[in-house]
Amino acid sequence: MLKTDKARKTYDELARLLWHAGRLSKAKHMALSRYASLVDQITGISEEGRTPRASWFNEMRRAEKELAIDDLDKPISAPIEAPVNRYARFGFSGRR
C-alpha cells in the first residue's frame, strides 16, 4: 500500500499509460509496483529530512528500464484536473 500521494499518482499515471498501450502484463505490473514503492520510500524519507540511499535510485532506474515507457510513441496523458477542450474532438486545438 502506497503512503504518499506522489507515489499513488505515479502508479495511476503509468498504469493507465501501459494499459492503453496494451503492454500491462504481469512482469510490467511487478516492475510498476516496485517503481511506485521506491518512489514512495524516497518521498517519505525525503519528507522526514533524511537522505535516501543511492541504491534505491539505482533500483528505481532498473525498474523504469523494465517498464520500457520510452518505447511508447503516445504522449503521457494530461493531468486529471486539466480542463477539457470542447472543440478538441473536431480537430481544433483551441489556439488563436
PDB file of N, CA and C in Angstrom:
ATOM      1  N   MET A   1       0.839  -1.170   0.000  1.00  0.00           N
ATOM      2  CA  MET A   1       0.000   0.000   0.000  1.00  0.00           C
ATOM      3  C   MET A   1       0.892   1.244   0.000  1.00  0.00           C
ATOM      4  N   LEU A   2       0.634   2.135  -0.903  1.00  0.00           N
ATOM      5  CA  LEU A   2       1.435   3.341  -1.050  1.00  0.00           C
ATOM      6  C   LEU A   2       0.962   4.401  -0.067  1.00  0.00           C
ATOM      7  N   LYS A   3       1.910   5.075   0.566  1.00  0.00           N
ATOM      8  CA  LYS A   3       1.579   6.040   1.614  1.00  0.00           C
ATOM      9  C   LYS A   3       1.520   7.480   1.122  1.00  0.00           C
ATOM     10  N   THR A   4       2.302   7.806   0.099  1.00  0.00           N
ATOM     11  CA  THR A   4       2.365   9.194  -0.354  1.00  0.00           C
ATOM     12  C   THR A   4       1.496   9.405  -1.588  1.00  0.00           C
ATOM     13  N   ASP A   5       1.005  10.625  -1.720  1.00  0.00           N
ATOM     14  CA  ASP A   5       0.176  10.972  -2.881  1.00  0.00           C
ATOM     15  C   ASP A   5       0.980  10.923  -4.175  1.00  0.00           C
ATOM     16  N   LYS A   6       2.252  11.315  -4.086  1.00  0.00           N
ATOM     17  CA  LYS A   6       3.102  11.312  -5.281  1.00  0.00           C
ATOM     18  C   LYS A   6       3.253   9.892  -5.838  1.00  0.00           C
ATOM     19  N   ALA A   7       3.437   8.926  -4.957  1.00  0.00           N
ATOM     20  CA  ALA A   7       3.594   7.537  -5.399  1.00  0.00           C
ATOM     21  C   ALA A   7       2.295   7.002  -5.992  1.00  0.00           C
ATOM     22  N   ARG A   8       1.160   7.324  -5.366  1.00  0.00           N
ATOM     23  CA  ARG A   8      -0.136   6.878  -5.897  1.00  0.00           C
ATOM     24  C   ARG A   8      -0.401   7.475  -7.271  1.00  0.00           C
ATOM     25  N   LYS A   9      -0.086   8.760  -7.418  1.00  0.00           N
ATOM     26  CA  LYS A   9      -0.303   9.438  -8.697  1.00  0.00           C
ATOM     27  C   LYS A   9       0.607   8.843  -9.780  1.00  0.00           C
ATOM     28  N   THR A  10       1.866   8.586  -9.419  1.00  0.00           N
ATOM     29  CA  THR A  10       2.811   7.979 -10.360  1.00  0.00           C
ATOM     30  C   THR A  10       2.319   6.605 -10.802  1.00  0.00           C
ATOM     31  N   TYR A  11       1.863   5.799  -9.845  1.00  0.00           N
ATOM     32  CA  TYR A  11       1.353   4.467 -10.169  1.00  0.00           C
ATOM     33  C   TYR A  11       0.151   4.560 -11.103  1.00  0.00           C
ATOM     34  N   ASP A  12      -0.788   5.440 -10.784  1.00  0.00           N
ATOM     35  CA  ASP A  12      -2.000   5.569 -11.603  1.00  0.00           C
ATOM     36  C   ASP A  12      -1.685   6.020 -13.025  1.00  0.00           C
ATOM     37  N   GLU A  13      -0.809   7.013 -13.160  1.00  0.00           N
ATOM     38  CA  GLU A  13      -0.473   7.530 -14.495  1.00  0.00           C
ATOM     39  C   GLU A  13       0.234   6.477 -15.346  1.00  0.00           C
ATOM     40  N   LEU A  14       1.217   5.795 -14.748  1.00  0.00           N
ATOM     41  CA  LEU A  14       1.970   4.803 -15.515  1.00  0.00           C
ATOM     42  C   LEU A  14       1.124   3.570 -15.819  1.00  0.00           C
ATOM     43  N   ALA A  15       0.282   3.160 -14.874  1.00  0.00           N
ATOM     44  CA  ALA A  15      -0.593   2.010 -15.126  1.00  0.00           C
ATOM     45  C   ALA A  15      -1.577   2.326 -16.245  1.00  0.00           C
ATOM     46  N   ARG A  16      -2.121   3.529 -16.234  1.00  0.00           N
ATOM     47  CA  ARG A  16      -3.055   3.936 -17.288  1.00  0.00           C
ATOM     48  C   ARG A  16      -2.348   3.976 -18.641  1.00  0.00           C
ATOM     49  N   LEU A  17      -1.134   4.497 -18.674  1.00  0.00           N
ATOM     50  CA  LEU A  17      -0.376   4.582 -19.921  1.00  0.00           C
ATOM     51  C   LEU A  17      -0.062   3.192 -20.474  1.00  0.00           C
ATOM     52  N   LEU A  18       0.389   2.285 -19.601  1.00  0.00           N
ATOM     53  CA  LEU A  18       0.692   0.925 -20.043  1.00  0.00           C
ATOM     54  C   LEU A  18      -0.570   0.174 -20.469  1.00  0.00           C
ATOM     55  N   TRP A  19      -1.664   0.397 -19.767  1.00  0.00           N
ATOM     56  CA  TRP A  19      -2.925  -0.276 -20.109  1.00  0.00           C
ATOM     57  C   TRP A  19      -3.421   0.145 -21.489  1.00  0.00           C
ATOM     58  N   HIS A  20      -3.407   1.450 -21.750  1.00  0.00           N
ATOM     59  CA  HIS A  20      -3.894   1.944 -23.037  1.00  0.00           C
ATOM     60  C   HIS A  20      -2.983   1.529 -24.193  1.00  0.00           C
ATOM     61  N   ALA A  21      -1.710   1.300 -23.896  1.00  0.00           N
ATOM     62  CA  ALA A  21      -0.787   0.847 -24.938  1.00  0.00           C
ATOM     63  C   ALA A  21      -0.859  -0.669 -25.130  1.00  0.00           C
ATOM     64  N   GLY A  22      -1.592  -1.360 -24.255  1.00  0.00           N
ATOM     65  CA  GLY A  22      -1.703  -2.810 -24.355  1.00  0.00           C
ATOM     66  C   GLY A  22      -0.475  -3.542 -23.866  1.00  0.00           C
ATOM     67  N   ARG A  23       0.283  -2.935 -22.973  1.00  0.00           N
ATOM     68  CA  ARG A  23       1.530  -3.532 -22.502  1.00  0.00           C
ATOM     69  C   ARG A  23       1.526  -3.895 -21.021  1.00  0.00           C
ATOM     70  N   LEU A  24       0.386  -3.855 -20.379  1.00  0.00           N
ATOM     71  CA  LEU A  24       0.337  -4.153 -18.951  1.00  0.00           C
ATOM     72  C   LEU A  24       0.245  -5.664 -18.758  1.00  0.00           C
ATOM     73  N   SER A  25       1.400  -6.274 -18.523  1.00  0.00           N
ATOM     74  CA  SER A  25       1.478  -7.709 -18.269  1.00  0.00           C
ATOM     75  C   SER A  25       1.830  -7.919 -16.795  1.00  0.00           C
ATOM     76  N   LYS A  26       1.950  -9.175 -16.404  1.00  0.00           N
ATOM     77  CA  LYS A  26       2.302  -9.465 -15.014  1.00  0.00           C
ATOM     78  C   LYS A  26       3.696  -8.931 -14.683  1.00  0.00           C
ATOM     79  N   ALA A  27       4.636  -9.110 -15.588  1.00  0.00           N
ATOM     80  CA  ALA A  27       6.000  -8.632 -15.359  1.00  0.00           C
ATOM     81  C   ALA A  27       6.048  -7.103 -15.290  1.00  0.00           C
ATOM     82  N   LYS A  28       5.302  -6.437 -16.174  1.00  0.00           N
ATOM     83  CA  LYS A  28       5.263  -4.965 -16.156  1.00  0.00           C
ATOM     84  C   LYS A  28       4.587  -4.473 -14.880  1.00  0.00           C
ATOM     85  N   HIS A  29       3.552  -5.193 -14.427  1.00  0.00           N
ATOM     86  CA  HIS A  29       2.877  -4.792 -13.196  1.00  0.00           C
ATOM     87  C   HIS A  29       3.809  -4.925 -11.996  1.00  0.00           C
ATOM     88  N   MET A  30       4.616  -5.973 -11.976  1.00  0.00           N
ATOM     89  CA  MET A  30       5.580  -6.136 -10.884  1.00  0.00           C
ATOM     90  C   MET A  30       6.621  -5.024 -10.911  1.00  0.00           C
ATOM     91  N   ALA A  31       7.113  -4.681 -12.093  1.00  0.00           N
ATOM     92  CA  ALA A  31       8.085  -3.592 -12.215  1.00  0.00           C
ATOM     93  C   ALA A  31       7.451  -2.262 -11.833  1.00  0.00           C
ATOM     94  N   LEU A  32       6.200  -2.057 -12.228  1.00  0.00           N
ATOM     95  CA  LEU A  32       5.489  -0.827 -11.886  1.00  0.00           C
ATOM     96  C   LEU A  32       5.271  -0.725 -10.384  1.00  0.00           C
ATOM     97  N   SER A  33       4.909  -1.819  -9.746  1.00  0.00           N
ATOM     98  CA  SER A  33       4.713  -1.820  -8.296  1.00  0.00           C
ATOM     99  C   SER A  33       6.023  -1.537  -7.570  1.00  0.00           C
ATOM    100  N   ARG A  34       7.109  -2.130  -8.057  1.00  0.00           N
ATOM    101  CA  ARG A  34       8.414  -1.876  -7.444  1.00  0.00           C
ATOM    102  C   ARG A  34       8.818  -0.417  -7.622  1.00  0.00           C
ATOM    103  N   TYR A  35       8.597   0.122  -8.814  1.00  0.00           N
ATOM    104  CA  TYR A  35       8.928   1.521  -9.096  1.00  0.00           C
ATOM    105  C   TYR A  35       8.129   2.454  -8.184  1.00  0.00           C
ATOM    106  N   ALA A  36       6.826   2.205  -8.060  1.00  0.00           N
ATOM    107  CA  ALA A  36       5.975   3.060  -7.230  1.00  0.00           C
ATOM    108  C   ALA A  36       6.343   2.948  -5.754  1.00  0.00           C
ATOM    109  N   SER A  37       6.699   1.753  -5.296  1.00  0.00           N
ATOM    110  CA  SER A  37       7.085   1.610  -3.892  1.00  0.00           C
ATOM    111  C   SER A  37       8.403   2.315  -3.604  1.00  0.00           C
ATOM    112  N   LEU A  38       9.310   2.322  -4.577  1.00  0.00           N
ATOM    113  CA  LEU A  38      10.564   3.057  -4.395  1.00  0.00           C
ATOM    114  C   LEU A  38      10.326   4.562  -4.398  1.00  0.00           C
ATOM    115  N   VAL A  39       9.425   5.043  -5.258  1.00  0.00           N
ATOM    116  CA  VAL A  39       9.053   6.460  -5.228  1.00  0.00           C
ATOM    117  C   VAL A  39       8.462   6.798  -3.865  1.00  0.00           C
ATOM    118  N   ASP A  40       7.655   5.896  -3.325  1.00  0.00           N
ATOM    119  CA  ASP A  40       7.042   6.082  -2.014  1.00  0.00           C
ATOM    120  C   ASP A  40       8.107   6.152  -0.920  1.00  0.00           C
ATOM    121  N   GLN A  41       9.061   5.226  -0.946  1.00  0.00           N
ATOM    122  CA  GLN A  41      10.136   5.217   0.049  1.00  0.00           C
ATOM    123  C   GLN A  41      10.970   6.488  -0.021  1.00  0.00           C
ATOM    124  N   ILE A  42      11.386   6.846  -1.214  1.00  0.00           N
ATOM    125  CA  ILE A  42      12.252   8.012  -1.386  1.00  0.00           C
ATOM    126  C   ILE A  42      11.527   9.283  -0.977  1.00  0.00           C
ATOM    127  N   THR A  43      10.257   9.410  -1.360  1.00  0.00           N
ATOM    128  CA  THR A  43       9.475  10.594  -0.995  1.00  0.00           C
ATOM    129  C   THR A  43       9.272  10.665   0.513  1.00  0.00           C
ATOM    130  N   GLY A  44       8.949   9.535   1.134  1.00  0.00           N
ATOM    131  CA  GLY A  44       8.734   9.506   2.583  1.00  0.00           C
ATOM    132  C   GLY A  44       9.984   9.860   3.362  1.00  0.00           C
ATOM    133  N   ILE A  45      11.107   9.300   2.959  1.00  0.00           N
ATOM    134  CA  ILE A  45      12.373   9.585   3.640  1.00  0.00           C
ATOM    135  C   ILE A  45      12.760  11.048   3.450  1.00  0.00           C
ATOM    136  N   SER A  46      12.564  11.570   2.248  1.00  0.00           N
ATOM    137  CA  SER A  46      12.908  12.970   1.970  1.00  0.00           C
ATOM    138  C   SER A  46      12.037  13.924   2.779  1.00  0.00           C
ATOM    139  N   GLU A  47      10.752  13.592   2.943  1.00  0.00           N
ATOM    140  CA  GLU A  47       9.862  14.444   3.733  1.00  0.00           C
ATOM    141  C   GLU A  47      10.251  14.459   5.203  1.00  0.00           C
ATOM    142  N   GLU A  48      10.857  13.367   5.680  1.00  0.00           N
ATOM    143  CA  GLU A  48      11.316  13.307   7.065  1.00  0.00           C
ATOM    144  C   GLU A  48      12.625  14.060   7.263  1.00  0.00           C
ATOM    145  N   GLY A  49      13.252  14.492   6.183  1.00  0.00           N
ATOM    146  CA  GLY A  49      14.507  15.226   6.275  1.00  0.00           C
ATOM    147  C   GLY A  49      15.734  14.337   6.248  1.00  0.00           C
ATOM    148  N   ARG A  50      15.548  13.046   6.022  1.00  0.00           N
ATOM    149  CA  ARG A  50      16.673  12.128   5.946  1.00  0.00           C
ATOM    150  C   ARG A  50      17.092  11.950   4.491  1.00  0.00           C
ATOM    151  N   THR A  51      18.278  11.406   4.294  1.00  0.00           N
ATOM    152  CA  THR A  51      18.820  11.207   2.946  1.00  0.00           C
ATOM    153  C   THR A  51      18.504   9.797   2.460  1.00  0.00           C
ATOM    154  N   PRO A  52      17.884   9.674   1.281  1.00  0.00           N
ATOM    155  CA  PRO A  52      17.611   8.333   0.742  1.00  0.00           C
ATOM    156  C   PRO A  52      18.894   7.652   0.285  1.00  0.00           C
ATOM    157  N   ARG A  53      18.858   6.335   0.266  1.00  0.00           N
ATOM    158  CA  ARG A  53      20.031   5.569  -0.153  1.00  0.00           C
ATOM    159  C   ARG A  53      20.208   5.652  -1.667  1.00  0.00           C
ATOM    160  N   ALA A  54      21.441   5.638  -2.100  1.00  0.00           N
ATOM    161  CA  ALA A  54      21.743   5.688  -3.534  1.00  0.00           C
ATOM    162  C   ALA A  54      21.278   4.412  -4.234  1.00  0.00           C
ATOM    163  N   SER A  55      21.298   3.299  -3.523  1.00  0.00           N
ATOM    164  CA  SER A  55      20.872   2.031  -4.131  1.00  0.00           C
ATOM    165  C   SER A  55      19.390   2.058  -4.497  1.00  0.00           C
ATOM    166  N   TRP A  56      18.579   2.841  -3.785  1.00  0.00           N
ATOM    167  CA  TRP A  56      17.156   2.958  -4.119  1.00  0.00           C
ATOM    168  C   TRP A  56      16.981   3.622  -5.480  1.00  0.00           C
ATOM    169  N   PHE A  57      17.803   4.640  -5.755  1.00  0.00           N
ATOM    170  CA  PHE A  57      17.723   5.313  -7.053  1.00  0.00           C
ATOM    171  C   PHE A  57      18.166   4.377  -8.177  1.00  0.00           C
ATOM    172  N   ASN A  58      19.214   3.585  -7.907  1.00  0.00           N
ATOM    173  CA  ASN A  58      19.664   2.618  -8.913  1.00  0.00           C
ATOM    174  C   ASN A  58      18.589   1.567  -9.185  1.00  0.00           C
ATOM    175  N   GLU A  59      17.937   1.091  -8.120  1.00  0.00           N
ATOM    176  CA  GLU A  59      16.860   0.118  -8.280  1.00  0.00           C
ATOM    177  C   GLU A  59      15.675   0.729  -9.023  1.00  0.00           C
ATOM    178  N   MET A  60      15.407   2.012  -8.770  1.00  0.00           N
ATOM    179  CA  MET A  60      14.314   2.696  -9.450  1.00  0.00           C
ATOM    180  C   MET A  60      14.614   2.824 -10.945  1.00  0.00           C
ATOM    181  N   ARG A  61      15.864   3.094 -11.292  1.00  0.00           N
ATOM    182  CA  ARG A  61      16.248   3.165 -12.704  1.00  0.00           C
ATOM    183  C   ARG A  61      16.082   1.813 -13.391  1.00  0.00           C
ATOM    184  N   ARG A  62      16.438   0.734 -12.674  1.00  0.00           N
ATOM    185  CA  ARG A  62      16.271  -0.604 -13.247  1.00  0.00           C
ATOM    186  C   ARG A  62      14.798  -0.924 -13.492  1.00  0.00           C
ATOM    187  N   ALA A  63      13.954  -0.569 -12.530  1.00  0.00           N
ATOM    188  CA  ALA A  63      12.514  -0.813 -12.694  1.00  0.00           C
ATOM    189  C   ALA A  63      11.956   0.027 -13.835  1.00  0.00           C
ATOM    190  N   GLU A  64      12.442   1.260 -13.958  1.00  0.00           N
ATOM    191  CA  GLU A  64      11.993   2.136 -15.048  1.00  0.00           C
ATOM    192  C   GLU A  64      12.402   1.566 -16.401  1.00  0.00           C
ATOM    193  N   LYS A  65      13.591   0.987 -16.458  1.00  0.00           N
ATOM    194  CA  LYS A  65      14.059   0.378 -17.706  1.00  0.00           C
ATOM    195  C   LYS A  65      13.216  -0.850 -18.059  1.00  0.00           C
ATOM    196  N   GLU A  66      12.802  -1.628 -17.049  1.00  0.00           N
ATOM    197  CA  GLU A  66      11.948  -2.791 -17.296  1.00  0.00           C
ATOM    198  C   GLU A  66      10.566  -2.379 -17.793  1.00  0.00           C
ATOM    199  N   LEU A  67      10.085  -1.215 -17.359  1.00  0.00           N
ATOM    200  CA  LEU A  67       8.775  -0.739 -17.807  1.00  0.00           C
ATOM    201  C   LEU A  67       8.787  -0.366 -19.284  1.00  0.00           C
ATOM    202  N   ALA A  68       9.933   0.071 -19.795  1.00  0.00           N
ATOM    203  CA  ALA A  68      10.121   0.429 -21.209  1.00  0.00           C
ATOM    204  C   ALA A  68       9.074   1.434 -21.679  1.00  0.00           C
ATOM    205  N   ILE A  69       8.896   2.478 -20.907  1.00  0.00           N
ATOM    206  CA  ILE A  69       7.927   3.515 -21.265  1.00  0.00           C
ATOM    207  C   ILE A  69       8.470   4.407 -22.376  1.00  0.00           C
ATOM    208  N   ASP A  70       9.782   4.506 -22.479  1.00  0.00           N
ATOM    209  CA  ASP A  70      10.373   5.348 -23.519  1.00  0.00           C
ATOM    210  C   ASP A  70      10.061   4.830 -24.920  1.00  0.00           C
ATOM    211  N   ASP A  71       9.739   3.546 -25.025  1.00  0.00           N
ATOM    212  CA  ASP A  71       9.427   2.967 -26.332  1.00  0.00           C
ATOM    213  C   ASP A  71       8.069   3.405 -26.863  1.00  0.00           C
ATOM    214  N   LEU A  72       7.220   3.872 -25.994  1.00  0.00           N
ATOM    215  CA  LEU A  72       5.873   4.260 -26.414  1.00  0.00           C
ATOM    216  C   LEU A  72       5.906   5.583 -27.161  1.00  0.00           C
ATOM    217  N   ASP A  73       5.183   5.640 -28.267  1.00  0.00           N
ATOM    218  CA  ASP A  73       5.105   6.873 -29.045  1.00  0.00           C
ATOM    219  C   ASP A  73       3.971   7.768 -28.576  1.00  0.00           C
ATOM    220  N   LYS A  74       3.118   7.248 -27.706  1.00  0.00           N
ATOM    221  CA  LYS A  74       1.989   8.027 -27.227  1.00  0.00           C
ATOM    222  C   LYS A  74       2.455   9.031 -26.172  1.00  0.00           C
ATOM    223  N   PRO A  75       1.950  10.235 -26.214  1.00  0.00           N
ATOM    224  CA  PRO A  75       2.295  11.189 -25.163  1.00  0.00           C
ATOM    225  C   PRO A  75       1.631  10.790 -23.852  1.00  0.00           C
ATOM    226  N   ILE A  76       2.234  11.214 -22.766  1.00  0.00           N
ATOM    227  CA  ILE A  76       1.664  10.940 -21.452  1.00  0.00           C
ATOM    228  C   ILE A  76       0.363  11.707 -21.331  1.00  0.00           C
ATOM    229  N   SER A  77      -0.628  11.091 -20.767  1.00  0.00           N
ATOM    230  CA  SER A  77      -1.957  11.693 -20.681  1.00  0.00           C
ATOM    231  C   SER A  77      -1.931  12.983 -19.874  1.00  0.00           C
ATOM    232  N   ALA A  78      -2.877  13.842 -20.176  1.00  0.00           N
ATOM    233  CA  ALA A  78      -2.997  15.115 -19.473  1.00  0.00           C
ATOM    234  C   ALA A  78      -3.406  14.858 -18.033  1.00  0.00           C
ATOM    235  N   PRO A  79      -3.066  15.754 -17.135  1.00  0.00           N
ATOM    236  CA  PRO A  79      -3.484  15.587 -15.748  1.00  0.00           C
ATOM    237  C   PRO A  79      -5.002  15.522 -15.632  1.00  0.00           C
ATOM    238  N   ILE A  80      -5.463  14.845 -14.616  1.00  0.00           N
ATOM    239  CA  ILE A  80      -6.900  14.656 -14.425  1.00  0.00           C
ATOM    240  C   ILE A  80      -7.606  15.988 -14.229  1.00  0.00           C
ATOM    241  N   GLU A  81      -6.953  16.921 -13.544  1.00  0.00           N
ATOM    242  CA  GLU A  81      -7.588  18.208 -13.256  1.00  0.00           C
ATOM    243  C   GLU A  81      -7.518  19.196 -14.423  1.00  0.00           C
ATOM    244  N   ALA A  82      -6.917  18.807 -15.540  1.00  0.00           N
ATOM    245  CA  ALA A  82      -6.816  19.699 -16.698  1.00  0.00           C
ATOM    246  C   ALA A  82      -8.201  19.917 -17.313  1.00  0.00           C
ATOM    247  N   PRO A  83      -8.493  21.137 -17.742  1.00  0.00           N
ATOM    248  CA  PRO A  83      -9.805  21.380 -18.354  1.00  0.00           C
ATOM    249  C   PRO A  83      -9.909  20.697 -19.721  1.00  0.00           C
ATOM    250  N   VAL A  84     -11.096  20.266 -20.049  1.00  0.00           N
ATOM    251  CA  VAL A  84     -11.339  19.574 -21.314  1.00  0.00           C
ATOM    252  C   VAL A  84     -11.677  20.611 -22.381  1.00  0.00           C
ATOM    253  N   ASN A  85     -10.994  20.514 -23.526  1.00  0.00           N
ATOM    254  CA  ASN A  85     -11.266  21.400 -24.648  1.00  0.00           C
ATOM    255  C   ASN A  85     -12.448  20.830 -25.416  1.00  0.00           C
ATOM    256  N   ARG A  86     -13.551  21.549 -25.434  1.00  0.00           N
ATOM    257  CA  ARG A  86     -14.760  21.014 -26.057  1.00  0.00           C
ATOM    258  C   ARG A  86     -14.663  20.925 -27.575  1.00  0.00           C
ATOM    259  N   TYR A  87     -13.694  21.603 -28.185  1.00  0.00           N
ATOM    260  CA  TYR A  87     -13.532  21.561 -29.635  1.00  0.00           C
ATOM    261  C   TYR A  87     -12.455  20.565 -30.080  1.00  0.00           C
ATOM    262  N   ALA A  88     -11.771  19.933 -29.150  1.00  0.00           N
ATOM    263  CA  ALA A  88     -10.654  19.053 -29.491  1.00  0.00           C
ATOM    264  C   ALA A  88     -11.095  17.851 -30.313  1.00  0.00           C
ATOM    265  N   ARG A  89     -12.285  17.339 -30.080  1.00  0.00           N
ATOM    266  CA  ARG A  89     -12.727  16.158 -30.824  1.00  0.00           C
ATOM    267  C   ARG A  89     -13.000  16.459 -32.290  1.00  0.00           C
ATOM    268  N   PHE A  90     -13.112  17.747 -32.646  1.00  0.00           N
ATOM    269  CA  PHE A  90     -13.318  18.147 -34.037  1.00  0.00           C
ATOM    270  C   PHE A  90     -12.017  18.527 -34.733  1.00  0.00           C
ATOM    271  N   GLY A  91     -10.892  18.439 -34.021  1.00  0.00           N
ATOM    272  CA  GLY A  91      -9.598  18.721 -34.612  1.00  0.00           C
ATOM    273  C   GLY A  91      -9.089  20.125 -34.388  1.00  0.00           C
ATOM    274  N   PHE A  92      -9.793  20.929 -33.612  1.00  0.00           N
ATOM    275  CA  PHE A  92      -9.338  22.287 -33.330  1.00  0.00           C
ATOM    276  C   PHE A  92      -8.535  22.296 -32.037  1.00  0.00           C
ATOM    277  N   SER A  93      -7.411  22.969 -32.068  1.00  0.00           N
ATOM    278  CA  SER A  93      -6.548  22.983 -30.894  1.00  0.00           C
ATOM    279  C   SER A  93      -6.984  23.995 -29.856  1.00  0.00           C
ATOM    280  N   GLY A  94      -7.770  24.966 -30.225  1.00  0.00           N
ATOM    281  CA  GLY A  94      -8.216  25.975 -29.267  1.00  0.00           C
ATOM    282  C   GLY A  94      -7.311  27.186 -29.206  1.00  0.00           C
ATOM    283  N   ARG A  95      -6.249  27.203 -29.994  1.00  0.00           N
ATOM    284  CA  ARG A  95      -5.341  28.356 -30.009  1.00  0.00           C
ATOM    285  C   ARG A  95      -5.870  29.420 -30.948  1.00  0.00           C
ATOM    286  N   ARG A  96      -5.530  30.641 -30.677  1.00  0.00           N
ATOM    287  CA  ARG A  96      -5.961  31.741 -31.542  1.00  0.00           C
ATOM    288  C   ARG A  96      -4.804  32.343 -32.271  1.00  0.00           C
TER     289      ARG A  96
END
